[in-house]
């Protein structure tokens, strides 16, 4: 009796006519080493480096969503096909008028308003177009007051989830969309001491 034979369910799945096109039925595409395997690895590595990157979170401005020391995956392709949306967490280059950042500095914040919106913070709540936003993801309610701001076309308004400990649009105003580098996809590593 052999325990290595495939079960009947596996045989029927692989031999089912609509599944025959699947490349995994032979697993030949995973050959390594060899020129084909090396070429496939190279293509995947180039695509990864072109359209995504891994970033390190150095501050608590996005706490509790992201914590100090987290490693996150950022994809850089989707905004070629669509506009940034409310609640997207984005990485971006700081506005040019801001000093104190290195040439390669990249920040991460959440989009709370788009071009054409009116933004205001008072009584511990964020108001967009006069409507109080339900933000269950923030660390605490903002203690600052922000007068009514208009977000011009081609800009977004970004705030950190840790509203009282974040250097963001409430300090320097709307962010040009062209400064956006990519969109947060997921946290791939979180230090165990948090």
N, C-alpha and C. Protein backbone atom coordinates (compact mmCIF):
# COMPACT_ATOMS: atom_id res chain seq x y z
N UNK A 1 0.85 -1.17 0.00
CA UNK A 1 0.00 0.00 0.00
C UNK A 1 0.90 1.24 0.00
N UNK A 2 0.63 2.16 -0.92
CA UNK A 2 1.44 3.37 -1.03
C UNK A 2 0.64 4.57 -0.57
N UNK A 3 1.25 5.38 0.27
CA UNK A 3 0.58 6.59 0.74
C UNK A 3 0.90 7.79 -0.14
N UNK A 4 1.71 7.60 -1.16
CA UNK A 4 2.13 8.72 -1.99
C UNK A 4 1.28 8.90 -3.24
N UNK A 5 0.34 8.00 -3.49
CA UNK A 5 -0.51 8.13 -4.66
C UNK A 5 -1.50 9.28 -4.45
N UNK A 6 -1.78 10.06 -5.50
CA UNK A 6 -2.76 11.13 -5.36
C UNK A 6 -4.16 10.56 -5.13
N UNK A 7 -4.94 11.27 -4.36
CA UNK A 7 -6.29 10.82 -4.08
C UNK A 7 -7.18 11.03 -5.31
N UNK A 8 -8.35 10.42 -5.29
CA UNK A 8 -9.27 10.50 -6.42
C UNK A 8 -9.74 11.94 -6.65
N UNK A 9 -9.93 12.69 -5.58
CA UNK A 9 -10.36 14.07 -5.71
C UNK A 9 -9.31 14.90 -6.43
N UNK A 10 -8.04 14.70 -6.10
CA UNK A 10 -6.96 15.41 -6.76
C UNK A 10 -6.92 15.06 -8.24
N UNK A 11 -7.04 13.76 -8.57
CA UNK A 11 -7.01 13.33 -9.98
C UNK A 11 -8.15 13.96 -10.76
N UNK A 12 -9.34 13.99 -10.16
CA UNK A 12 -10.48 14.55 -10.88
C UNK A 12 -10.33 16.06 -11.05
N UNK A 13 -9.71 16.73 -10.08
CA UNK A 13 -9.51 18.18 -10.18
C UNK A 13 -8.53 18.51 -11.31
N UNK A 14 -7.41 17.80 -11.38
CA UNK A 14 -6.39 18.08 -12.38
C UNK A 14 -6.86 17.66 -13.78
N UNK A 15 -7.59 16.57 -13.88
CA UNK A 15 -7.99 16.09 -15.20
C UNK A 15 -9.31 16.68 -15.66
N UNK A 16 -9.97 17.45 -14.81
CA UNK A 16 -11.22 18.09 -15.21
C UNK A 16 -10.92 19.02 -16.38
N UNK A 17 -11.68 18.94 -17.48
CA UNK A 17 -11.32 19.67 -18.71
C UNK A 17 -11.10 21.16 -18.53
N UNK A 18 -11.90 21.82 -17.70
CA UNK A 18 -11.75 23.27 -17.57
C UNK A 18 -10.51 23.66 -16.78
N UNK A 19 -9.86 22.70 -16.11
CA UNK A 19 -8.67 23.00 -15.32
C UNK A 19 -7.38 22.69 -16.07
N UNK A 20 -7.47 22.15 -17.26
CA UNK A 20 -6.26 21.74 -17.98
C UNK A 20 -5.38 22.90 -18.40
N UNK A 21 -5.94 24.08 -18.52
CA UNK A 21 -5.15 25.24 -18.91
C UNK A 21 -4.25 25.73 -17.80
N UNK A 22 -4.52 25.30 -16.56
CA UNK A 22 -3.77 25.82 -15.42
C UNK A 22 -2.30 25.39 -15.48
N UNK A 23 -1.36 26.34 -15.39
CA UNK A 23 0.07 25.99 -15.46
C UNK A 23 0.53 25.16 -14.28
N UNK A 24 -0.20 25.21 -13.16
CA UNK A 24 0.27 24.49 -11.98
C UNK A 24 0.03 22.99 -12.09
N UNK A 25 -0.69 22.54 -13.13
CA UNK A 25 -0.95 21.11 -13.20
C UNK A 25 0.35 20.34 -13.46
N UNK A 26 1.34 20.96 -14.07
CA UNK A 26 2.60 20.25 -14.31
C UNK A 26 3.71 20.73 -13.39
N UNK A 27 3.57 21.93 -12.82
CA UNK A 27 4.58 22.56 -11.96
C UNK A 27 5.91 22.76 -12.69
N UNK A 28 5.90 22.64 -13.99
CA UNK A 28 7.12 22.83 -14.77
C UNK A 28 7.58 24.26 -14.79
N UNK A 29 6.66 25.19 -14.55
CA UNK A 29 7.04 26.60 -14.59
C UNK A 29 7.90 27.00 -13.40
N UNK A 30 8.06 26.12 -12.41
CA UNK A 30 8.87 26.44 -11.24
C UNK A 30 10.29 25.88 -11.33
N UNK A 31 10.69 25.41 -12.51
CA UNK A 31 12.02 24.82 -12.64
C UNK A 31 13.11 25.78 -12.19
N UNK A 32 14.05 25.24 -11.45
CA UNK A 32 15.19 26.04 -10.97
C UNK A 32 16.32 25.11 -10.65
N UNK A 33 17.54 25.29 -10.88
CA UNK A 33 18.06 26.39 -11.66
C UNK A 33 17.94 26.09 -13.15
N UNK A 34 18.19 27.05 -13.91
CA UNK A 34 18.10 26.98 -15.35
C UNK A 34 17.81 28.36 -15.88
N UNK A 35 18.00 28.52 -17.16
CA UNK A 35 17.81 29.84 -17.75
C UNK A 35 16.37 30.30 -17.61
N UNK A 36 15.40 29.42 -17.86
CA UNK A 36 13.99 29.81 -17.76
C UNK A 36 13.65 30.26 -16.34
N UNK A 37 14.08 29.50 -15.35
CA UNK A 37 13.80 29.85 -13.96
C UNK A 37 14.45 31.16 -13.58
N UNK A 38 15.71 31.35 -13.99
CA UNK A 38 16.41 32.60 -13.70
C UNK A 38 15.73 33.78 -14.37
N UNK A 39 15.29 33.62 -15.62
CA UNK A 39 14.63 34.68 -16.36
C UNK A 39 13.31 35.06 -15.69
N UNK A 40 12.55 34.07 -15.25
CA UNK A 40 11.28 34.34 -14.58
C UNK A 40 11.51 35.08 -13.26
N UNK A 41 12.52 34.65 -12.53
CA UNK A 41 12.86 35.32 -11.28
C UNK A 41 13.25 36.78 -11.54
N UNK A 42 14.02 37.01 -12.57
CA UNK A 42 14.46 38.36 -12.92
C UNK A 42 13.27 39.25 -13.30
N UNK A 43 12.35 38.72 -14.07
CA UNK A 43 11.16 39.48 -14.47
C UNK A 43 10.32 39.84 -13.24
N UNK A 44 10.11 38.86 -12.36
CA UNK A 44 9.32 39.11 -11.15
C UNK A 44 10.01 40.16 -10.28
N UNK A 45 11.33 40.06 -10.13
CA UNK A 45 12.08 41.04 -9.32
C UNK A 45 11.98 42.44 -9.92
N UNK A 46 12.06 42.55 -11.24
CA UNK A 46 11.96 43.87 -11.89
C UNK A 46 10.56 44.46 -11.73
N UNK A 47 9.53 43.62 -11.91
CA UNK A 47 8.16 44.10 -11.73
C UNK A 47 7.93 44.54 -10.29
N UNK A 48 8.44 43.74 -9.33
CA UNK A 48 8.27 44.07 -7.92
C UNK A 48 8.92 45.43 -7.61
N UNK A 49 10.16 45.61 -8.07
CA UNK A 49 10.86 46.85 -7.75
C UNK A 49 10.28 48.06 -8.47
N UNK A 50 9.62 47.83 -9.61
CA UNK A 50 9.03 48.93 -10.35
C UNK A 50 7.69 49.36 -9.76
N UNK A 51 6.88 48.39 -9.36
CA UNK A 51 5.50 48.69 -8.96
C UNK A 51 5.22 48.57 -7.47
N UNK A 52 6.21 48.19 -6.66
CA UNK A 52 5.98 48.11 -5.23
C UNK A 52 7.28 48.28 -4.48
N UNK A 53 7.16 48.49 -3.18
CA UNK A 53 8.35 48.63 -2.34
C UNK A 53 7.96 48.34 -0.90
N UNK A 54 8.95 48.04 -0.11
CA UNK A 54 8.74 47.82 1.32
C UNK A 54 9.28 49.04 2.06
N UNK A 55 8.48 49.58 2.97
CA UNK A 55 8.85 50.76 3.73
C UNK A 55 8.82 50.46 5.22
N UNK A 56 9.58 51.24 5.98
CA UNK A 56 9.70 51.12 7.43
C UNK A 56 8.96 52.30 8.06
N UNK A 57 8.18 52.06 9.11
CA UNK A 57 7.44 53.13 9.79
C UNK A 57 8.30 53.64 10.95
N UNK A 58 8.81 54.91 10.86
CA UNK A 58 9.71 55.43 11.90
C UNK A 58 9.02 56.21 13.02
N UNK A 59 7.74 56.58 12.84
CA UNK A 59 7.08 57.42 13.84
C UNK A 59 5.70 56.88 14.17
N UNK A 60 5.08 57.49 15.19
CA UNK A 60 3.76 57.03 15.63
C UNK A 60 2.63 57.87 15.05
N UNK A 61 2.86 58.59 13.95
CA UNK A 61 1.84 59.48 13.40
C UNK A 61 0.64 58.72 12.83
N UNK A 62 0.80 57.43 12.50
CA UNK A 62 -0.32 56.64 11.96
C UNK A 62 -0.83 55.62 12.97
N UNK A 63 -0.42 55.75 14.24
CA UNK A 63 -0.89 54.83 15.28
C UNK A 63 -2.39 55.05 15.49
N UNK A 64 -3.21 54.06 15.68
CA UNK A 64 -2.94 52.64 15.90
C UNK A 64 -2.92 51.78 14.63
N UNK A 65 -3.21 52.37 13.46
CA UNK A 65 -3.22 51.59 12.22
C UNK A 65 -1.84 51.02 11.94
N UNK A 66 -0.82 51.86 12.03
CA UNK A 66 0.57 51.44 11.82
C UNK A 66 1.38 51.86 13.03
N UNK A 67 2.31 51.00 13.43
CA UNK A 67 3.10 51.26 14.63
C UNK A 67 4.57 51.44 14.27
N UNK A 68 5.31 52.04 15.17
CA UNK A 68 6.75 52.25 14.96
C UNK A 68 7.41 50.88 14.77
N UNK A 69 8.21 50.76 13.72
CA UNK A 69 8.91 49.52 13.43
C UNK A 69 8.21 48.62 12.43
N UNK A 70 6.95 48.89 12.11
CA UNK A 70 6.24 48.07 11.12
C UNK A 70 6.93 48.17 9.77
N UNK A 71 6.89 47.08 9.03
CA UNK A 71 7.32 47.06 7.63
C UNK A 71 6.06 46.92 6.80
N UNK A 72 5.89 47.80 5.83
CA UNK A 72 4.67 47.79 5.04
C UNK A 72 4.99 47.62 3.55
N UNK A 73 4.02 47.10 2.81
CA UNK A 73 4.14 47.00 1.36
C UNK A 73 3.35 48.16 0.75
N UNK A 74 3.99 48.88 -0.14
CA UNK A 74 3.39 50.01 -0.83
C UNK A 74 3.39 49.70 -2.32
N UNK A 75 2.22 49.81 -2.96
CA UNK A 75 2.18 49.60 -4.41
C UNK A 75 2.13 50.96 -5.09
N UNK A 76 2.80 51.05 -6.25
CA UNK A 76 2.96 52.33 -6.91
C UNK A 76 2.26 52.42 -8.26
N UNK A 77 1.42 51.43 -8.61
CA UNK A 77 0.83 51.39 -9.95
C UNK A 77 -0.61 51.86 -10.03
N UNK A 78 -1.40 51.67 -8.98
CA UNK A 78 -2.85 51.88 -9.12
C UNK A 78 -3.22 53.32 -9.45
N UNK A 79 -2.45 54.31 -9.00
CA UNK A 79 -2.81 55.69 -9.27
C UNK A 79 -2.47 56.11 -10.70
N UNK A 80 -1.90 55.21 -11.47
CA UNK A 80 -1.76 55.45 -12.91
C UNK A 80 -3.10 55.23 -13.61
N UNK A 81 -3.98 54.44 -12.98
CA UNK A 81 -5.25 54.07 -13.59
C UNK A 81 -6.46 54.68 -12.90
N UNK A 82 -6.30 55.14 -11.67
CA UNK A 82 -7.43 55.72 -10.93
C UNK A 82 -6.94 56.85 -10.04
N UNK A 83 -7.87 57.64 -9.57
CA UNK A 83 -7.54 58.77 -8.69
C UNK A 83 -7.47 58.29 -7.24
N UNK A 84 -6.70 58.98 -6.41
CA UNK A 84 -6.69 58.65 -4.98
C UNK A 84 -8.09 58.78 -4.38
N UNK A 85 -8.42 57.90 -3.45
CA UNK A 85 -9.75 57.87 -2.85
C UNK A 85 -9.68 58.21 -1.36
N UNK A 86 -10.81 58.66 -0.83
CA UNK A 86 -10.91 58.93 0.60
C UNK A 86 -10.59 57.65 1.37
N UNK A 87 -9.86 57.77 2.45
CA UNK A 87 -9.41 56.68 3.34
C UNK A 87 -8.26 55.85 2.78
N UNK A 88 -7.76 56.16 1.59
CA UNK A 88 -6.52 55.51 1.13
C UNK A 88 -5.39 56.00 2.03
N UNK A 89 -4.53 55.09 2.41
CA UNK A 89 -3.31 55.46 3.14
C UNK A 89 -2.21 55.53 2.10
N UNK A 90 -1.59 56.71 1.99
CA UNK A 90 -0.63 56.94 0.91
C UNK A 90 0.73 57.37 1.45
N UNK A 91 1.76 57.03 0.67
CA UNK A 91 3.10 57.56 0.93
C UNK A 91 3.32 58.69 -0.06
N UNK A 92 4.05 59.72 0.37
CA UNK A 92 4.22 60.89 -0.49
C UNK A 92 5.46 61.67 -0.10
N UNK A 93 5.94 62.45 -1.06
CA UNK A 93 7.02 63.39 -0.78
C UNK A 93 6.41 64.64 -0.14
N UNK A 94 7.03 65.17 0.91
CA UNK A 94 6.46 66.37 1.55
C UNK A 94 6.40 67.54 0.58
N UNK A 95 5.48 68.46 0.79
CA UNK A 95 5.40 69.65 -0.08
C UNK A 95 6.73 70.39 -0.11
N UNK A 96 7.03 71.02 -1.23
CA UNK A 96 8.33 71.68 -1.42
C UNK A 96 8.60 72.78 -0.42
N UNK A 97 7.57 73.46 0.05
CA UNK A 97 7.79 74.58 0.96
C UNK A 97 8.21 74.12 2.35
N UNK A 98 8.08 72.82 2.64
CA UNK A 98 8.42 72.32 3.97
C UNK A 98 9.91 72.05 4.08
N UNK A 99 10.55 72.61 5.09
CA UNK A 99 11.98 72.39 5.31
C UNK A 99 12.16 71.35 6.42
N UNK A 100 13.36 70.85 6.55
CA UNK A 100 13.65 69.89 7.60
C UNK A 100 13.56 68.44 7.13
N UNK A 101 13.17 68.23 5.89
CA UNK A 101 13.11 66.88 5.35
C UNK A 101 14.23 66.70 4.34
N UNK A 102 14.79 65.49 4.32
CA UNK A 102 15.81 65.17 3.33
C UNK A 102 15.22 65.09 1.93
N UNK A 103 16.10 65.06 0.94
CA UNK A 103 15.67 65.01 -0.45
C UNK A 103 14.84 63.77 -0.76
N UNK A 104 15.14 62.66 -0.08
CA UNK A 104 14.46 61.40 -0.34
C UNK A 104 13.38 61.08 0.70
N UNK A 105 12.99 62.06 1.50
CA UNK A 105 12.00 61.82 2.56
C UNK A 105 10.65 61.43 1.97
N UNK A 106 10.01 60.46 2.61
CA UNK A 106 8.67 60.02 2.23
C UNK A 106 7.84 59.89 3.51
N UNK A 107 6.66 60.50 3.51
CA UNK A 107 5.76 60.44 4.65
C UNK A 107 4.58 59.52 4.33
N UNK A 108 3.84 59.11 5.37
CA UNK A 108 2.65 58.28 5.16
C UNK A 108 1.51 58.85 5.99
N UNK A 109 0.37 59.05 5.34
CA UNK A 109 -0.83 59.59 5.99
C UNK A 109 -2.07 59.02 5.29
N UNK A 110 -3.24 59.37 5.85
CA UNK A 110 -4.53 58.93 5.30
C UNK A 110 -5.20 60.10 4.57
N UNK A 111 -5.75 59.83 3.39
CA UNK A 111 -6.49 60.86 2.65
C UNK A 111 -7.86 61.02 3.30
N UNK A 112 -8.20 62.25 3.69
CA UNK A 112 -9.50 62.51 4.31
C UNK A 112 -10.40 63.37 3.42
N UNK A 113 -9.83 64.03 2.41
CA UNK A 113 -10.64 64.86 1.50
C UNK A 113 -9.91 64.98 0.16
N UNK A 114 -10.71 65.19 -0.90
CA UNK A 114 -10.17 65.33 -2.25
C UNK A 114 -10.42 66.74 -2.77
N UNK A 115 -9.93 67.01 -3.97
CA UNK A 115 -10.12 68.32 -4.59
C UNK A 115 -11.60 68.70 -4.65
N UNK A 116 -11.90 69.94 -4.26
CA UNK A 116 -13.27 70.43 -4.26
C UNK A 116 -13.96 70.32 -2.91
N UNK A 117 -13.36 69.61 -1.97
CA UNK A 117 -13.96 69.44 -0.64
C UNK A 117 -13.58 70.59 0.29
N UNK A 118 -14.43 70.80 1.30
CA UNK A 118 -14.16 71.76 2.37
C UNK A 118 -13.88 70.98 3.64
N UNK A 119 -12.76 71.28 4.30
CA UNK A 119 -12.31 70.54 5.48
C UNK A 119 -12.26 71.48 6.67
N UNK A 120 -12.70 70.95 7.83
CA UNK A 120 -12.68 71.74 9.06
C UNK A 120 -12.57 70.78 10.24
N UNK A 121 -11.86 71.20 11.28
CA UNK A 121 -11.78 70.44 12.52
C UNK A 121 -12.20 71.35 13.67
N UNK A 122 -13.22 70.93 14.40
CA UNK A 122 -13.60 71.65 15.61
C UNK A 122 -14.39 70.72 16.51
N UNK A 123 -14.37 71.02 17.81
CA UNK A 123 -15.03 70.19 18.83
C UNK A 123 -14.58 68.73 18.77
N UNK A 124 -13.31 68.52 18.39
CA UNK A 124 -12.77 67.16 18.37
C UNK A 124 -13.22 66.29 17.22
N UNK A 125 -13.80 66.87 16.19
CA UNK A 125 -14.27 66.09 15.04
C UNK A 125 -13.79 66.70 13.73
N UNK A 126 -13.61 65.84 12.75
CA UNK A 126 -13.27 66.25 11.39
C UNK A 126 -14.57 66.41 10.61
N UNK A 127 -14.72 67.54 9.94
CA UNK A 127 -15.89 67.80 9.09
C UNK A 127 -15.42 67.95 7.65
N UNK A 128 -16.03 67.18 6.76
CA UNK A 128 -15.76 67.31 5.33
C UNK A 128 -17.07 67.71 4.67
N UNK A 129 -17.05 68.87 4.02
CA UNK A 129 -18.26 69.44 3.40
C UNK A 129 -19.40 69.58 4.41
N UNK A 130 -19.04 69.93 5.64
CA UNK A 130 -20.02 70.16 6.69
C UNK A 130 -20.55 68.92 7.39
N UNK A 131 -20.05 67.74 7.01
CA UNK A 131 -20.53 66.49 7.60
C UNK A 131 -19.45 65.92 8.52
N UNK A 132 -19.81 65.67 9.77
CA UNK A 132 -18.86 65.07 10.72
C UNK A 132 -18.52 63.66 10.27
N UNK A 133 -17.23 63.32 10.27
CA UNK A 133 -16.77 62.02 9.80
C UNK A 133 -16.70 61.03 10.96
N UNK A 134 -17.16 59.82 10.72
CA UNK A 134 -17.06 58.74 11.70
C UNK A 134 -15.71 58.06 11.52
N UNK A 135 -14.77 58.34 12.40
CA UNK A 135 -13.41 57.85 12.27
C UNK A 135 -13.06 56.94 13.45
N UNK A 136 -13.41 55.68 13.33
CA UNK A 136 -13.13 54.73 14.42
C UNK A 136 -11.69 54.22 14.40
N UNK A 137 -10.88 54.67 13.44
CA UNK A 137 -9.50 54.21 13.32
C UNK A 137 -8.50 55.16 13.96
N UNK A 138 -8.91 56.33 14.45
CA UNK A 138 -7.95 57.29 15.00
C UNK A 138 -7.60 56.95 16.45
N UNK A 139 -6.42 57.39 16.88
CA UNK A 139 -5.96 57.11 18.24
C UNK A 139 -6.79 57.88 19.26
N UNK A 140 -7.03 59.16 18.99
CA UNK A 140 -7.86 59.99 19.87
C UNK A 140 -8.38 61.17 19.06
N UNK A 141 -9.42 61.78 19.58
CA UNK A 141 -10.01 62.92 18.89
C UNK A 141 -9.02 64.09 18.85
N UNK A 142 -9.01 64.85 17.76
CA UNK A 142 -8.08 65.98 17.69
C UNK A 142 -8.39 67.05 18.74
N UNK A 143 -7.32 67.57 19.34
CA UNK A 143 -7.49 68.63 20.34
C UNK A 143 -7.31 70.01 19.72
N UNK A 144 -6.91 70.06 18.45
CA UNK A 144 -6.70 71.34 17.78
C UNK A 144 -7.96 71.75 17.02
N UNK A 145 -7.99 73.01 16.62
CA UNK A 145 -9.07 73.54 15.80
C UNK A 145 -8.49 73.94 14.45
N UNK A 146 -9.20 73.60 13.40
CA UNK A 146 -8.76 73.93 12.04
C UNK A 146 -9.88 74.70 11.36
N UNK A 147 -9.57 75.91 10.93
CA UNK A 147 -10.56 76.72 10.23
C UNK A 147 -10.92 76.07 8.90
N UNK A 148 -12.02 76.48 8.31
CA UNK A 148 -12.50 75.92 7.05
C UNK A 148 -11.45 76.09 5.96
N UNK A 149 -11.06 74.97 5.34
CA UNK A 149 -10.06 74.96 4.26
C UNK A 149 -10.68 74.38 3.01
N UNK A 150 -10.38 74.99 1.87
CA UNK A 150 -10.82 74.47 0.58
C UNK A 150 -9.67 73.67 -0.02
N UNK A 151 -9.97 72.45 -0.50
CA UNK A 151 -8.95 71.61 -1.14
C UNK A 151 -9.06 71.86 -2.64
N UNK A 152 -8.02 72.48 -3.24
CA UNK A 152 -8.10 72.77 -4.68
C UNK A 152 -8.04 71.51 -5.53
N UNK A 153 -8.45 71.63 -6.77
CA UNK A 153 -8.38 70.52 -7.72
C UNK A 153 -6.92 70.08 -7.88
N UNK A 154 -6.71 68.79 -8.00
CA UNK A 154 -5.35 68.26 -8.13
C UNK A 154 -4.63 68.12 -6.80
N UNK A 155 -5.37 68.25 -5.70
CA UNK A 155 -4.80 68.13 -4.36
C UNK A 155 -5.65 67.18 -3.52
N UNK A 156 -5.07 66.71 -2.43
CA UNK A 156 -5.79 65.92 -1.43
C UNK A 156 -5.43 66.47 -0.05
N UNK A 157 -6.25 66.15 0.92
CA UNK A 157 -5.99 66.57 2.30
C UNK A 157 -5.65 65.32 3.07
N UNK A 158 -4.48 65.28 3.69
CA UNK A 158 -4.01 64.07 4.39
C UNK A 158 -3.80 64.35 5.87
N UNK A 159 -4.23 63.40 6.70
CA UNK A 159 -4.04 63.50 8.14
C UNK A 159 -3.55 62.16 8.67
N UNK A 160 -2.74 62.20 9.73
CA UNK A 160 -2.31 60.98 10.38
C UNK A 160 -3.41 60.45 11.28
N UNK A 161 -3.44 59.14 11.52
CA UNK A 161 -4.45 58.55 12.40
C UNK A 161 -4.23 58.95 13.85
N UNK A 162 -3.00 59.29 14.21
CA UNK A 162 -2.68 59.79 15.54
C UNK A 162 -2.75 61.32 15.45
N UNK A 163 -3.96 61.85 15.37
CA UNK A 163 -4.20 63.25 14.98
C UNK A 163 -3.42 64.26 15.78
N UNK A 164 -3.22 64.02 17.06
CA UNK A 164 -2.54 65.01 17.90
C UNK A 164 -1.03 64.87 17.88
N UNK A 165 -0.52 63.90 17.17
CA UNK A 165 0.92 63.68 17.09
C UNK A 165 1.31 63.39 15.64
N UNK A 166 0.85 64.23 14.72
CA UNK A 166 1.11 64.01 13.31
C UNK A 166 1.37 65.33 12.61
N UNK A 167 2.42 65.37 11.83
CA UNK A 167 2.75 66.53 11.01
C UNK A 167 2.13 66.29 9.64
N UNK A 168 1.04 66.98 9.34
CA UNK A 168 0.25 66.64 8.16
C UNK A 168 -0.41 67.89 7.58
N UNK A 169 -1.47 67.70 6.81
CA UNK A 169 -2.12 68.83 6.12
C UNK A 169 -2.68 69.87 7.06
N UNK A 170 -2.97 69.52 8.30
CA UNK A 170 -3.47 70.56 9.21
C UNK A 170 -2.36 71.56 9.55
N UNK A 171 -1.09 71.18 9.31
CA UNK A 171 0.04 72.08 9.51
C UNK A 171 0.42 72.83 8.24
N UNK A 172 0.42 72.14 7.09
CA UNK A 172 0.92 72.75 5.86
C UNK A 172 -0.07 72.79 4.71
N UNK A 173 -1.30 72.39 4.90
CA UNK A 173 -2.32 72.55 3.87
C UNK A 173 -2.45 71.37 2.92
N UNK A 174 -3.22 71.52 1.86
CA UNK A 174 -3.46 70.42 0.92
C UNK A 174 -2.18 69.95 0.24
N UNK A 175 -2.17 68.67 -0.11
CA UNK A 175 -1.01 68.03 -0.74
C UNK A 175 -1.28 67.86 -2.23
N UNK A 176 -0.35 68.28 -3.10
CA UNK A 176 -0.52 68.03 -4.54
C UNK A 176 -0.52 66.52 -4.82
N UNK A 177 -1.44 66.08 -5.67
CA UNK A 177 -1.54 64.65 -6.00
C UNK A 177 -0.25 64.14 -6.62
N UNK A 178 0.46 64.99 -7.35
CA UNK A 178 1.71 64.54 -7.99
C UNK A 178 2.79 64.17 -6.98
N UNK A 179 2.65 64.57 -5.72
CA UNK A 179 3.62 64.20 -4.68
C UNK A 179 3.41 62.77 -4.17
N UNK A 180 2.27 62.17 -4.48
CA UNK A 180 1.99 60.82 -3.98
C UNK A 180 2.90 59.81 -4.67
N UNK A 181 3.54 58.97 -3.85
CA UNK A 181 4.45 57.94 -4.35
C UNK A 181 3.71 56.62 -4.53
N UNK A 182 2.88 56.24 -3.56
CA UNK A 182 2.19 54.96 -3.66
C UNK A 182 1.11 54.82 -2.61
N UNK A 183 0.46 53.66 -2.62
CA UNK A 183 -0.66 53.38 -1.72
C UNK A 183 -0.31 52.20 -0.82
N UNK A 184 -0.58 52.36 0.47
CA UNK A 184 -0.36 51.29 1.44
C UNK A 184 -1.25 50.09 1.10
N UNK A 185 -0.63 48.89 1.08
CA UNK A 185 -1.37 47.67 0.79
C UNK A 185 -1.57 46.84 2.04
N UNK A 186 -0.47 46.56 2.75
CA UNK A 186 -0.56 45.72 3.94
C UNK A 186 0.70 45.85 4.78
N UNK A 187 0.58 45.45 6.03
CA UNK A 187 1.73 45.38 6.92
C UNK A 187 2.31 43.97 6.79
N UNK A 188 3.58 43.86 6.42
CA UNK A 188 4.17 42.55 6.21
C UNK A 188 5.01 42.09 7.42
N UNK A 189 5.30 43.00 8.33
CA UNK A 189 6.08 42.63 9.53
C UNK A 189 5.76 43.61 10.64
N UNK A 190 5.46 43.09 11.81
CA UNK A 190 5.23 43.93 13.00
C UNK A 190 6.12 43.39 14.12
N UNK A 191 6.99 44.23 14.69
CA UNK A 191 7.86 43.76 15.79
C UNK A 191 7.04 43.16 16.92
N UNK A 192 7.55 42.13 17.54
CA UNK A 192 6.80 41.41 18.56
C UNK A 192 6.70 42.17 19.88
N UNK A 193 7.51 43.21 20.09
CA UNK A 193 7.46 43.93 21.36
C UNK A 193 6.36 45.00 21.39
N UNK A 194 5.49 45.03 20.38
CA UNK A 194 4.39 46.02 20.36
C UNK A 194 3.09 45.35 20.61
